[in-house]
């Protein structure tokens, strides 16, 4: 009997804690992302730099320049999605 009562009390406290939490505020577009970094890259040219100090900051710039249709099994030039379509999805 004590074990069942203890389990019921624990479950109710867990349920109360889940219900009492608030939702996170929505993210806003725009702004400046500031991060700490261990080094200052010499340039943003990925052909001239091969260190982690140059590649990591540049990944956020170059990763999504070309997007392919995610519903097609094989990427090819005909499945490139335009930038205005990426914004709508």
Protein backbone atom coordinates (compact mmCIF):
# COMPACT_ATOMS: atom_id res chain seq x y z
CA UNK A 1 0.00 0.00 0.00
CA UNK A 2 2.81 2.42 0.91
CA UNK A 3 4.65 1.64 -2.31
CA UNK A 4 1.56 2.35 -4.45
CA UNK A 5 0.92 5.59 -2.58
CA UNK A 6 4.56 6.62 -2.98
CA UNK A 7 4.44 5.88 -6.74
CA UNK A 8 1.21 7.85 -7.08
CA UNK A 9 2.73 10.82 -5.23
CA UNK A 10 5.85 10.73 -7.41
CA UNK A 11 3.78 10.54 -10.59
CA UNK A 12 1.57 13.43 -9.50
CA UNK A 13 4.60 15.58 -8.65
CA UNK A 14 6.10 14.79 -12.05
CA UNK A 15 2.83 15.67 -13.78
CA UNK A 16 2.59 18.91 -11.79
CA UNK A 17 6.17 19.83 -12.74
CA UNK A 18 5.46 19.18 -16.43
CA UNK A 19 2.31 21.29 -16.38
CA UNK A 20 3.94 24.16 -14.47
CA UNK A 21 6.71 24.74 -17.01
CA UNK A 22 6.20 27.51 -19.53
CA UNK A 23 6.90 27.29 -23.22
CA UNK A 24 10.01 28.88 -24.67
CA UNK A 25 9.59 32.23 -26.35
CA UNK A 26 9.61 32.16 -30.14
CA UNK A 27 12.85 32.87 -31.93
CA UNK A 28 13.12 36.15 -33.76
CA UNK A 29 14.62 36.51 -37.21
CA UNK A 30 17.60 38.72 -37.86
CA UNK A 31 20.10 39.97 -35.35
CA UNK A 32 23.74 39.10 -34.77
CA UNK A 33 25.01 35.76 -33.52
CA UNK A 34 28.03 36.24 -31.29
CA UNK A 35 30.16 33.23 -30.40
CA UNK A 36 33.56 32.85 -28.82
CA UNK A 37 36.26 31.32 -30.97
CA UNK A 38 39.84 30.28 -30.30
CA UNK A 39 41.46 32.01 -33.26
CA UNK A 40 40.98 34.64 -35.93
CA UNK A 41 40.98 33.19 -39.47
CA UNK A 42 43.39 34.80 -41.92
CA UNK A 43 40.76 34.84 -44.68
CA UNK A 44 37.38 33.36 -45.57
CA UNK A 45 38.75 31.68 -48.69
CA UNK A 46 38.34 27.94 -48.23
CA UNK A 47 40.73 27.27 -51.10
CA UNK A 48 43.56 29.10 -49.35
CA UNK A 49 42.89 28.04 -45.75
CA UNK A 50 42.69 24.46 -44.50
CA UNK A 51 42.70 24.92 -40.74
CA UNK A 52 39.81 24.48 -38.35
CA UNK A 53 40.05 28.16 -37.50
CA UNK A 54 39.07 29.05 -41.06
CA UNK A 55 36.71 26.19 -41.91
CA UNK A 56 34.36 26.28 -38.89
CA UNK A 57 33.22 29.91 -39.26
CA UNK A 58 32.84 29.53 -43.02
CA UNK A 59 30.60 26.46 -42.79
CA UNK A 60 27.61 28.55 -41.76
CA UNK A 61 28.07 30.74 -44.81
CA UNK A 62 28.65 28.12 -47.49
CA UNK A 63 26.57 25.11 -46.35
CA UNK A 64 23.18 26.16 -47.72
CA UNK A 65 24.12 28.03 -50.86
CA UNK A 66 22.84 25.13 -52.98
CA UNK A 67 19.84 23.14 -51.75
CA UNK A 68 18.43 20.06 -53.43
CA UNK A 69 14.84 18.81 -53.34
CA UNK A 70 14.67 16.52 -50.29
CA UNK A 71 11.86 14.43 -51.81
CA UNK A 72 14.01 13.15 -54.71
CA UNK A 73 16.23 10.14 -54.06
CA UNK A 74 19.24 11.30 -56.11
CA UNK A 75 20.67 14.82 -56.29
CA UNK A 76 21.24 16.18 -59.78
CA UNK A 77 21.22 19.67 -61.37
CA UNK A 78 17.50 19.42 -62.16
CA UNK A 79 16.59 18.99 -58.48
CA UNK A 80 18.19 22.23 -57.25
CA UNK A 81 15.64 24.24 -55.27
CA UNK A 82 15.52 28.00 -55.72
CA UNK A 83 16.15 30.22 -52.71
CA UNK A 84 12.61 31.66 -52.68
CA UNK A 85 11.15 28.15 -52.48
CA UNK A 86 13.41 27.33 -49.51
CA UNK A 87 11.97 30.30 -47.61
CA UNK A 88 8.39 29.10 -48.17
CA UNK A 89 9.02 25.59 -46.84
